[in-house]
Amino acid sequence: MGTPNEDFTEWTFTLRDDATWEDGKTITAEEVARGITRSMDSEAFPSGPGTEYSTHFFADADKYKGPYTDKGKKYDAVTFDEAANSVTIKMSMPFPDMDYWGTFMAMGPAPLGKVSDPPEYGRNPLSNGPYKVESFRPSEELVLVKNDARIPESDPARHQYADKWVFKFTADPTQTDELMLSGNTESQTSISAAVSAENYTEMSQTLNERMVQQSAQCTSFWAPDYTKITDINIRKALAYAYPYESVWSASGEVPGVTRVPANSVMPPGMAGKSDYRVDGEQIKFNPEKAKELLAEAGAEGYEIHMAYATGSPTTEAAQEQIEKGLTDSGFKVKSYPVPIETSLYVIWTDPDNKINKKLNLRGVNWCSDWPAAGSTMIPALLRKGATYNTAFFDEPAIDARMDEIGTLPLEDQPDARGDLDEQIATEYYPIIPTAFLQRPLRLRREDREPDG
């Protein structure tokens, strides 16, 4: 764990002894420092996690664009000491959560020289953990096998119980359900983090305690463009025009199980979460209420421009429900289809994208990156210039309050962030929480000893 100074504006991390790469070479403090500075490069990694945390909380981040964009430029906020085997990071403001951010892969080491340059390094990264990459087909499959060069004593928290891990990124949900229910050899060592609506009842009865219900600490949102849809009543009308359960069902989700109604930015279980209701009660699909709000705003027939993913039966079925809900609620809809191979975030987060310039309604899903008091939710979604602020929300007083909360005593921060969540929603309603996400983790395995 890191060691902070008194006001959390400087953190020092000491490397474990005997940490090695998969080729047996010792990992150096300089390589860790290089890995950390790579996260600053938003041009090389436009949707990387560093765009939210490193580039905001690290000192002088506005003057340094990363080792690829600012080639040869020295960055003094991240330094290393080979003799002490340590790395020190200076912050732009108090950042008591740096220990959490330090556990992310973006804070891990990177080999020196061109060998770690993107995008090639992303296809064949060097491991420093229990497993290494055997094969990788982007968007299809990743296979990990044991890293024989790892020294277990240097990494006691992680283990090598399994010989191999196979991750399938495009597995058909129906076929996955069939596998999990089959009880065959493959199902005995498979884990799935989703369940289709039509198989949920059978799954819960067949798998019993092997299906675990858990919160994902995630919230889904509609994000009306704050610079274009300037009337709060139109934004509220959109909330009443969203056919929540119909969209969840069309998407293959299980209403009330994998998706539940949301009322706030902060998800359930997060310290300080407020149970406020913007209109005094949970907002539900209500076309007549949406029409009333549009009439009040003098915006009957307001035209919505949105993008959606094609090529998947569930995404297209969900879009049909969304368009029907909007139309029934008095809106007009102009939709822009995007191939499913292209992430909508590529469009939503690119201000120069031709489709994005036409949109006045986007979306965003966001999960708590660590269990702190909203510091990983509200700023990431609503601070001016944040990469995932797809609503382009911009209120200087709210930005100032976000930073101010970070300077409060740690015990006061949870309630302060919960109050801010409520203030933003009731005064501005810039983004619409459409669901809290939950994951039924499905396990099919035989009872075995840990080394089995």
Protein backbone atom coordinates (compact mmCIF):
# COMPACT_ATOMS: atom_id res chain seq x y z
CA MET A 1 0.00 0.00 0.00
CA GLY A 2 1.11 3.56 -0.58
CA THR A 3 2.31 6.02 2.04
CA PRO A 4 0.75 9.52 1.79
CA ASN A 5 1.94 12.80 3.23
CA GLU A 6 -0.23 14.58 5.78
CA ASP A 7 -2.66 16.19 3.33
CA PHE A 8 -2.72 13.37 0.73
CA THR A 9 -1.00 15.47 -1.96
CA GLU A 10 1.97 13.12 -2.29
CA TRP A 11 2.09 9.32 -2.31
CA THR A 12 5.08 6.98 -2.24
CA PHE A 13 4.82 3.33 -3.25
CA THR A 14 7.53 0.75 -2.56
CA LEU A 15 7.85 -2.22 -4.90
CA ARG A 16 7.72 -5.77 -3.56
CA ASP A 17 10.96 -7.73 -3.57
CA ASP A 18 11.48 -10.30 -6.34
CA ALA A 19 8.78 -8.95 -8.67
CA THR A 20 9.62 -10.19 -12.16
CA TRP A 21 8.40 -10.15 -15.74
CA GLU A 22 7.37 -13.39 -17.42
CA ASP A 23 10.87 -13.60 -18.92
CA GLY A 24 12.39 -13.64 -15.42
CA LYS A 25 13.81 -10.11 -15.50
CA THR A 26 13.38 -7.99 -12.37
CA ILE A 27 10.80 -5.21 -12.55
CA THR A 28 12.36 -1.83 -11.79
CA ALA A 29 10.98 1.32 -10.19
CA GLU A 30 11.68 3.15 -13.45
CA GLU A 31 9.43 0.71 -15.33
CA VAL A 32 6.63 1.31 -12.83
CA ALA A 33 7.07 5.08 -13.19
CA ARG A 34 6.89 4.70 -16.97
CA GLY A 35 3.72 2.65 -16.70
CA ILE A 36 2.13 5.34 -14.56
CA THR A 37 3.05 8.18 -16.93
CA ARG A 38 1.61 6.23 -19.86
CA SER A 39 -1.83 6.66 -18.27
CA MET A 40 -1.45 10.42 -18.77
CA ASP A 41 -1.49 10.06 -22.56
CA SER A 42 -5.12 10.70 -23.51
CA GLU A 43 -4.25 10.91 -27.21
CA ALA A 44 -2.73 7.42 -27.22
CA PHE A 45 -5.44 6.05 -24.90
CA PRO A 46 -8.49 8.28 -25.53
CA SER A 47 -10.89 6.19 -23.45
CA GLY A 48 -8.38 4.87 -20.94
CA PRO A 49 -8.97 5.16 -17.19
CA GLY A 50 -6.20 7.74 -16.90
CA THR A 51 -8.40 10.24 -18.72
CA GLU A 52 -10.49 10.54 -15.57
CA TYR A 53 -8.06 10.08 -12.68
CA SER A 54 -4.42 10.57 -13.71
CA THR A 55 -5.08 13.60 -15.87
CA HIS A 56 -7.16 15.24 -13.15
CA PHE A 57 -5.46 14.37 -9.87
CA PHE A 58 -1.77 14.25 -10.85
CA ALA A 59 0.16 17.50 -10.45
CA ASP A 60 0.76 19.60 -13.58
CA ALA A 61 -1.30 17.17 -15.66
CA ASP A 62 -2.43 20.11 -17.80
CA LYS A 63 1.19 20.65 -18.84
CA TYR A 64 2.05 17.05 -19.71
CA LYS A 65 0.29 14.96 -22.34
CA GLY A 66 2.07 11.64 -21.82
CA PRO A 67 5.22 9.94 -23.13
CA TYR A 68 3.90 9.39 -26.66
CA THR A 69 2.27 12.75 -27.28
CA ASP A 70 4.99 14.71 -25.43
CA LYS A 71 7.96 12.62 -26.55
CA GLY A 72 11.14 13.38 -24.65
CA LYS A 73 9.44 15.75 -22.21
CA LYS A 74 10.21 15.17 -18.54
CA TYR A 75 7.32 14.87 -16.10
CA ASP A 76 8.37 15.77 -12.57
CA ALA A 77 5.17 14.72 -10.77
CA VAL A 78 6.08 11.02 -11.09
CA THR A 79 9.58 10.15 -9.90
CA PHE A 80 11.39 6.94 -8.98
CA ASP A 81 14.22 5.95 -6.66
CA GLU A 82 15.94 2.72 -7.73
CA ALA A 83 17.95 2.51 -4.49
CA ALA A 84 14.78 2.64 -2.39
CA ASN A 85 12.86 0.64 -5.00
CA SER A 86 10.05 3.22 -4.83
CA VAL A 87 7.90 5.54 -6.91
CA THR A 88 6.53 8.90 -5.73
CA ILE A 89 3.52 10.71 -7.21
CA LYS A 90 2.65 14.35 -6.55
CA MET A 91 -1.04 15.24 -6.69
CA SER A 92 -2.76 18.41 -7.89
CA MET A 93 -5.12 18.29 -4.89
CA PRO A 94 -5.75 16.01 -1.92
CA PHE A 95 -6.40 12.51 -3.26
CA PRO A 96 -6.91 10.12 -0.34
CA ASP A 97 -8.12 7.44 -2.78
CA MET A 98 -4.72 7.04 -4.46
CA ASP A 99 -4.27 3.63 -2.82
CA TYR A 100 -7.33 2.43 -4.71
CA TRP A 101 -6.23 3.96 -8.00
CA GLY A 102 -2.81 2.41 -7.45
CA THR A 103 -4.32 -1.08 -7.76
CA PHE A 104 -5.46 -0.49 -11.34
CA MET A 105 -3.60 -1.93 -14.30
CA ALA A 106 -3.06 1.61 -15.57
CA MET A 107 -0.69 2.04 -12.62
CA GLY A 108 1.31 -1.09 -13.46
CA PRO A 109 4.82 -1.30 -14.91
CA ALA A 110 5.65 -1.03 -18.60
CA PRO A 111 8.93 -2.18 -20.21
CA LEU A 112 11.28 0.61 -21.22
CA GLY A 113 11.76 1.53 -24.86
CA LYS A 114 9.60 0.97 -27.92
CA VAL A 115 8.64 -2.53 -26.84
CA SER A 116 5.78 -1.06 -24.79
CA ASP A 117 4.53 1.43 -27.39
CA PRO A 118 0.86 1.24 -28.37
CA PRO A 119 -0.92 -0.35 -30.07
CA GLU A 120 1.47 -3.30 -30.53
CA TYR A 121 2.12 -3.80 -26.82
CA GLY A 122 -1.60 -4.16 -26.16
CA ARG A 123 -1.68 -7.24 -28.37
CA ASN A 124 1.12 -9.01 -26.51
CA PRO A 125 1.77 -7.48 -23.07
CA LEU A 126 4.35 -8.91 -20.69
CA SER A 127 2.91 -10.46 -17.56
CA ASN A 128 4.07 -9.83 -14.01
CA GLY A 129 1.30 -11.85 -12.34
CA PRO A 130 0.27 -15.48 -11.92
CA TYR A 131 -0.77 -15.88 -15.56
CA LYS A 132 0.51 -14.80 -18.96
CA VAL A 133 -1.08 -14.46 -22.39
CA GLU A 134 -1.01 -17.60 -24.52
CA SER A 135 -3.24 -16.19 -27.26
CA PHE A 136 -5.41 -13.13 -27.86
CA ARG A 137 -7.94 -12.39 -30.58
CA PRO A 138 -9.35 -8.90 -29.98
CA SER A 139 -13.12 -8.87 -29.38
CA GLU A 140 -13.16 -12.69 -29.55
CA GLU A 141 -11.03 -14.63 -27.08
CA LEU A 142 -8.21 -14.33 -24.54
CA VAL A 143 -6.35 -17.39 -23.23
CA LEU A 144 -4.17 -17.16 -20.12
CA VAL A 145 -1.77 -19.85 -18.89
CA LYS A 146 0.48 -20.07 -15.85
CA ASN A 147 3.42 -17.68 -15.67
CA ASP A 148 6.24 -20.02 -14.63
CA ALA A 149 8.68 -17.15 -13.99
CA ARG A 150 6.56 -15.69 -11.20
CA ILE A 151 7.94 -15.96 -7.68
CA PRO A 152 4.92 -16.81 -5.48
CA GLU A 153 6.47 -15.31 -2.35
CA SER A 154 6.59 -11.91 -4.05
CA ASP A 155 2.85 -11.99 -4.73
CA PRO A 156 1.08 -13.85 -1.89
CA ALA A 157 -2.39 -12.43 -2.60
CA ARG A 158 -2.76 -14.10 -6.00
CA HIS A 159 -2.67 -17.78 -6.88
CA GLN A 160 -2.39 -20.28 -9.72
CA TYR A 161 -5.18 -22.70 -8.86
CA ALA A 162 -6.32 -23.17 -12.47
CA ASP A 163 -4.01 -24.28 -15.26
CA LYS A 164 -5.69 -22.07 -17.85
CA TRP A 165 -8.33 -19.35 -18.17
CA VAL A 166 -10.31 -18.89 -21.39
CA PHE A 167 -12.31 -15.66 -21.78
CA LYS A 168 -14.90 -15.59 -24.57
CA PHE A 169 -16.00 -12.05 -25.42
CA THR A 170 -18.63 -12.81 -28.07
CA ALA A 171 -20.25 -15.92 -26.64
CA ASP A 172 -23.90 -16.34 -27.62
CA PRO A 173 -26.05 -15.82 -24.48
CA THR A 174 -28.42 -18.66 -25.35
CA GLN A 175 -25.57 -21.10 -25.94
CA THR A 176 -23.95 -19.97 -22.70
CA ASP A 177 -27.16 -20.67 -20.79
CA GLU A 178 -27.37 -24.12 -22.37
CA LEU A 179 -23.78 -24.82 -21.35
CA MET A 180 -24.33 -23.73 -17.76
CA LEU A 181 -27.43 -25.94 -17.48
CA SER A 182 -25.89 -28.97 -19.16
CA GLY A 183 -23.81 -30.25 -16.26
CA ASN A 184 -21.20 -31.53 -18.73
CA THR A 185 -17.43 -31.37 -18.20
CA GLU A 186 -17.03 -27.86 -19.57
CA SER A 187 -19.85 -26.49 -17.45
CA GLN A 188 -18.15 -27.76 -14.31
CA THR A 189 -15.34 -25.23 -14.75
CA SER A 190 -17.27 -22.33 -16.30
CA ILE A 191 -18.28 -18.98 -14.86
CA SER A 192 -20.78 -16.61 -16.47
CA ALA A 193 -21.73 -13.12 -15.32
CA ALA A 194 -25.09 -12.88 -17.09
CA VAL A 195 -28.34 -14.77 -17.53
CA SER A 196 -30.99 -14.35 -20.22
CA ALA A 197 -34.53 -13.51 -19.19
CA GLU A 198 -36.10 -16.62 -20.70
CA ASN A 199 -33.80 -18.94 -18.74
CA TYR A 200 -33.66 -17.14 -15.42
CA THR A 201 -36.28 -19.29 -13.64
CA GLU A 202 -34.74 -22.56 -14.79
CA MET A 203 -31.27 -21.29 -13.89
CA SER A 204 -32.27 -20.32 -10.37
CA GLN A 205 -33.99 -23.68 -9.80
CA THR A 206 -31.25 -25.81 -11.35
CA LEU A 207 -28.12 -24.07 -10.11
CA ASN A 208 -29.48 -23.22 -6.65
CA GLU A 209 -26.65 -21.85 -4.51
CA ARG A 210 -24.32 -21.84 -7.50
CA MET A 211 -26.09 -18.75 -8.85
CA VAL A 212 -25.16 -15.76 -6.72
CA GLN A 213 -27.13 -12.51 -6.84
CA GLN A 214 -24.89 -9.48 -6.45
CA SER A 215 -24.88 -5.75 -7.03
CA ALA A 216 -22.60 -4.59 -9.82
CA GLN A 217 -22.14 -1.11 -8.30
CA CYS A 218 -23.09 0.30 -11.69
CA THR A 219 -25.67 2.75 -13.01
CA SER A 220 -26.94 3.20 -16.58
CA PHE A 221 -27.91 6.65 -17.84
CA TRP A 222 -29.47 8.54 -20.67
CA ALA A 223 -27.45 11.70 -21.22
CA PRO A 224 -29.37 14.58 -22.84
CA ASP A 225 -26.99 17.11 -24.36
CA TYR A 226 -26.94 19.91 -21.77
CA THR A 227 -25.85 22.45 -24.39
CA LYS A 228 -28.78 21.64 -26.70
CA ILE A 229 -31.63 20.43 -24.49
CA THR A 230 -31.52 23.39 -22.13
CA ASP A 231 -35.00 23.12 -20.58
CA ILE A 232 -35.13 20.85 -17.50
CA ASN A 233 -38.74 19.97 -18.31
CA ILE A 234 -37.66 18.41 -21.62
CA ARG A 235 -34.99 16.41 -19.81
CA LYS A 236 -37.60 15.24 -17.29
CA ALA A 237 -39.98 14.40 -20.14
CA LEU A 238 -37.30 12.12 -21.53
CA ALA A 239 -37.13 10.33 -18.18
CA TYR A 240 -40.87 9.62 -18.31
CA ALA A 241 -40.60 8.60 -21.98
CA TYR A 242 -38.06 5.83 -21.32
CA PRO A 243 -39.91 2.46 -21.33
CA TYR A 244 -37.75 0.94 -18.62
CA GLU A 245 -39.01 -2.62 -18.25
CA SER A 246 -39.72 -3.03 -21.96
CA VAL A 247 -36.15 -2.04 -22.81
CA TRP A 248 -34.71 -4.33 -20.14
CA SER A 249 -36.73 -7.29 -21.40
CA ALA A 250 -35.89 -6.60 -25.04
CA SER A 251 -32.21 -6.43 -24.09
CA GLY A 252 -32.38 -9.89 -22.57
CA GLU A 253 -32.28 -8.61 -19.00
CA VAL A 254 -34.50 -9.75 -16.13
CA PRO A 255 -36.50 -6.82 -14.70
CA GLY A 256 -36.16 -6.71 -10.96
CA VAL A 257 -33.19 -9.08 -11.03
CA THR A 258 -30.44 -7.94 -13.40
CA ARG A 259 -31.93 -4.45 -13.77
CA VAL A 260 -33.72 -2.48 -11.06
CA PRO A 261 -35.10 1.09 -11.03
CA ALA A 262 -32.51 3.78 -10.35
CA ASN A 263 -33.00 7.11 -8.58
CA SER A 264 -29.51 8.56 -8.27
CA VAL A 265 -26.05 8.76 -9.77
CA MET A 266 -24.48 6.82 -6.88
CA PRO A 267 -25.40 3.10 -6.90
CA PRO A 268 -26.72 1.10 -3.94
CA GLY A 269 -24.16 0.23 -1.30
CA MET A 270 -22.02 3.31 -1.88
CA ALA A 271 -21.32 5.29 1.28
CA GLY A 272 -23.39 8.46 1.38
CA LYS A 273 -25.90 7.41 -1.27
CA SER A 274 -29.09 9.44 -0.96
CA ASP A 275 -32.54 7.87 -1.43
CA TYR A 276 -34.06 11.05 -2.86
CA ARG A 277 -36.70 11.01 -5.62
CA VAL A 278 -36.54 13.90 -8.08
CA ASP A 279 -40.33 14.19 -8.39
CA GLY A 280 -41.16 12.78 -4.97
CA GLU A 281 -41.52 9.23 -6.24
CA GLN A 282 -39.68 6.81 -8.50
CA ILE A 283 -39.88 7.97 -12.12
CA LYS A 284 -41.51 5.34 -14.33
CA PHE A 285 -42.60 5.15 -17.96
CA ASN A 286 -45.48 7.61 -18.20
CA PRO A 287 -46.19 8.96 -21.72
CA GLU A 288 -48.93 11.31 -20.57
CA LYS A 289 -46.66 12.91 -17.97
CA ALA A 290 -43.98 13.32 -20.63
CA LYS A 291 -46.47 15.08 -22.93
CA GLU A 292 -47.49 17.43 -20.11
CA LEU A 293 -43.86 18.40 -19.50
CA LEU A 294 -43.26 18.97 -23.21
CA ALA A 295 -46.34 21.18 -23.37
CA GLU A 296 -45.15 23.13 -20.33
CA ALA A 297 -41.84 23.69 -22.10
CA GLY A 298 -43.59 24.63 -25.36
CA ALA A 299 -41.73 21.77 -27.03
CA GLU A 300 -44.43 19.43 -28.39
CA GLY A 301 -42.94 17.14 -31.04
CA TYR A 302 -39.38 17.81 -29.84
CA GLU A 303 -36.96 15.89 -32.09
CA ILE A 304 -34.45 13.55 -30.49
CA HIS A 305 -31.27 12.56 -32.34
CA MET A 306 -29.60 9.41 -31.01
CA ALA A 307 -27.22 6.66 -32.13
CA TYR A 308 -27.70 2.95 -31.52
CA ALA A 309 -25.83 -0.29 -32.19
CA THR A 310 -26.96 -2.56 -35.02
CA GLY A 311 -26.07 -6.18 -35.74
CA SER A 312 -27.39 -7.60 -32.47
CA PRO A 313 -30.99 -8.78 -32.03
CA THR A 314 -31.11 -7.49 -28.45
CA THR A 315 -29.74 -4.00 -29.16
CA GLU A 316 -32.07 -3.58 -32.13
CA ALA A 317 -35.06 -4.85 -30.16
CA ALA A 318 -34.24 -2.45 -27.33
CA GLN A 319 -33.99 0.44 -29.78
CA GLU A 320 -37.44 -0.39 -31.14
CA GLN A 321 -38.86 -0.13 -27.62
CA ILE A 322 -37.04 3.16 -27.00
CA GLU A 323 -38.31 4.73 -30.22
CA LYS A 324 -41.85 3.56 -29.48
CA GLY A 325 -41.66 5.01 -25.97
CA LEU A 326 -40.40 8.34 -27.24
CA THR A 327 -42.99 8.54 -29.99
CA ASP A 328 -45.84 7.61 -27.66
CA SER A 329 -44.62 10.36 -25.31
CA GLY A 330 -44.81 13.14 -27.89
CA PHE A 331 -41.25 13.17 -29.18
CA LYS A 332 -40.01 12.72 -32.72
CA VAL A 333 -36.96 10.48 -33.20
CA LYS A 334 -34.05 10.51 -35.63
CA SER A 335 -31.83 7.45 -35.12
CA TYR A 336 -28.31 6.86 -36.44
CA PRO A 337 -27.37 3.16 -36.74
CA VAL A 338 -23.81 2.20 -35.81
CA PRO A 339 -22.26 -1.26 -36.47
CA ILE A 340 -21.99 -3.20 -33.24
CA GLU A 341 -18.24 -3.62 -33.85
CA THR A 342 -17.88 0.13 -33.22
CA SER A 343 -18.40 1.06 -29.61
CA LEU A 344 -20.89 3.86 -29.14
CA TYR A 345 -18.37 5.41 -26.76
CA VAL A 346 -16.05 5.95 -29.72
CA ILE A 347 -18.74 8.25 -31.11
CA TRP A 348 -20.04 9.75 -27.87
CA THR A 349 -16.58 10.75 -26.59
CA ASP A 350 -15.28 12.21 -29.88
CA PRO A 351 -16.34 15.86 -30.26
CA ASP A 352 -15.23 15.82 -33.91
CA ASN A 353 -17.24 12.76 -34.92
CA LYS A 354 -19.80 13.66 -37.61
CA ILE A 355 -22.57 11.57 -36.05
CA ASN A 356 -21.83 12.86 -32.56
CA LYS A 357 -22.24 16.45 -33.70
CA LYS A 358 -25.82 15.65 -34.72
CA LEU A 359 -26.81 14.00 -31.45
CA ASN A 360 -28.73 15.62 -28.62
CA LEU A 361 -29.15 12.40 -26.63
CA ARG A 362 -26.38 9.98 -25.71
CA GLY A 363 -25.87 7.40 -23.03
CA VAL A 364 -23.31 6.21 -20.53
CA ASN A 365 -22.86 3.29 -18.15
CA TRP A 366 -20.57 3.83 -15.19
CA CYS A 367 -19.43 1.64 -12.35
CA SER A 368 -17.85 2.62 -9.07
CA ASP A 369 -14.13 2.08 -9.54
CA TRP A 370 -13.63 1.68 -5.81
CA PRO A 371 -15.86 1.80 -2.72
CA ALA A 372 -15.23 5.43 -1.79
CA ALA A 373 -17.83 8.11 -1.19
CA GLY A 374 -18.90 8.86 -4.74
CA SER A 375 -15.52 10.19 -5.84
CA THR A 376 -15.50 7.67 -8.69
CA MET A 377 -19.05 8.42 -9.86
CA ILE A 378 -20.09 12.07 -9.78
CA PRO A 379 -16.87 13.73 -11.05
CA ALA A 380 -16.38 11.12 -13.78
CA LEU A 381 -19.84 11.75 -15.19
CA LEU A 382 -20.57 15.40 -14.44
CA ARG A 383 -17.38 17.43 -14.13
CA LYS A 384 -16.70 19.80 -17.04
CA GLY A 385 -14.44 18.18 -19.62
CA ALA A 386 -14.58 14.67 -18.11
CA THR A 387 -14.28 12.12 -20.91
CA TYR A 388 -17.47 10.31 -19.93
CA ASN A 389 -19.50 13.46 -19.35
CA THR A 390 -21.45 12.61 -22.49
CA ALA A 391 -24.14 15.10 -21.53
CA PHE A 392 -21.59 17.95 -21.66
CA PHE A 393 -22.90 19.13 -18.30
CA ASP A 394 -21.10 22.31 -17.21
CA GLU A 395 -21.88 24.21 -14.04
CA PRO A 396 -18.85 25.95 -12.42
CA ALA A 397 -20.41 25.93 -8.95
CA ILE A 398 -20.86 22.15 -9.11
CA ASP A 399 -17.27 21.63 -10.27
CA ALA A 400 -16.05 23.79 -7.40
CA ARG A 401 -18.10 21.78 -4.90
CA MET A 402 -16.69 18.50 -6.25
CA ASP A 403 -13.15 19.72 -5.56
CA GLU A 404 -14.14 21.20 -2.22
CA ILE A 405 -15.56 17.88 -1.00
CA GLY A 406 -12.19 16.27 -1.68
CA THR A 407 -10.62 18.56 0.92
CA LEU A 408 -13.13 17.73 3.68
CA PRO A 409 -12.29 15.32 6.51
CA LEU A 410 -12.69 11.77 5.18
CA GLU A 411 -15.59 11.01 7.51
CA ASP A 412 -17.57 13.99 6.13
CA GLN A 413 -17.12 13.18 2.45
CA PRO A 414 -19.75 10.43 2.00
CA ASP A 415 -22.72 12.53 3.11
CA ALA A 416 -21.40 15.56 1.24
CA ARG A 417 -21.28 13.60 -2.02
CA GLY A 418 -24.74 12.18 -1.42
CA ASP A 419 -26.06 15.70 -0.89
CA LEU A 420 -24.33 16.85 -4.07
CA ASP A 421 -25.86 13.97 -6.01
CA GLU A 422 -29.32 15.11 -4.86
CA GLN A 423 -28.58 18.79 -5.55
CA ILE A 424 -27.46 18.12 -9.11
CA ALA A 425 -30.54 16.01 -9.87
CA THR A 426 -33.11 18.32 -8.34
CA GLU A 427 -31.67 21.60 -9.66
CA TYR A 428 -30.40 20.51 -13.08
CA TYR A 429 -31.37 16.89 -13.85
CA PRO A 430 -28.58 16.64 -16.44
CA ILE A 431 -28.50 12.84 -16.73
CA ILE A 432 -31.29 10.30 -16.35
CA PRO A 433 -30.59 7.17 -14.28
CA THR A 434 -32.27 4.35 -16.22
CA ALA A 435 -31.19 1.34 -14.12
CA PHE A 436 -29.01 0.02 -11.36
CA LEU A 437 -27.19 -3.03 -12.70
CA GLN A 438 -27.05 -6.34 -10.88
CA ARG A 439 -25.24 -9.48 -11.94
CA PRO A 440 -26.35 -13.05 -11.21
CA LEU A 441 -22.94 -14.73 -11.17
CA ARG A 442 -23.50 -18.28 -12.36
CA LEU A 443 -21.09 -20.95 -11.17
CA ARG A 444 -21.05 -24.58 -12.29
CA ARG A 445 -18.29 -26.55 -10.65
CA GLU A 446 -17.67 -29.61 -8.57
CA ASP A 447 -16.63 -29.16 -4.95
CA ARG A 448 -12.84 -29.44 -4.93
CA GLU A 449 -9.94 -28.72 -2.69
CA PRO A 450 -8.30 -25.31 -3.36
CA ASP A 451 -5.32 -26.91 -5.11
CA GLY A 452 -7.60 -28.99 -7.38
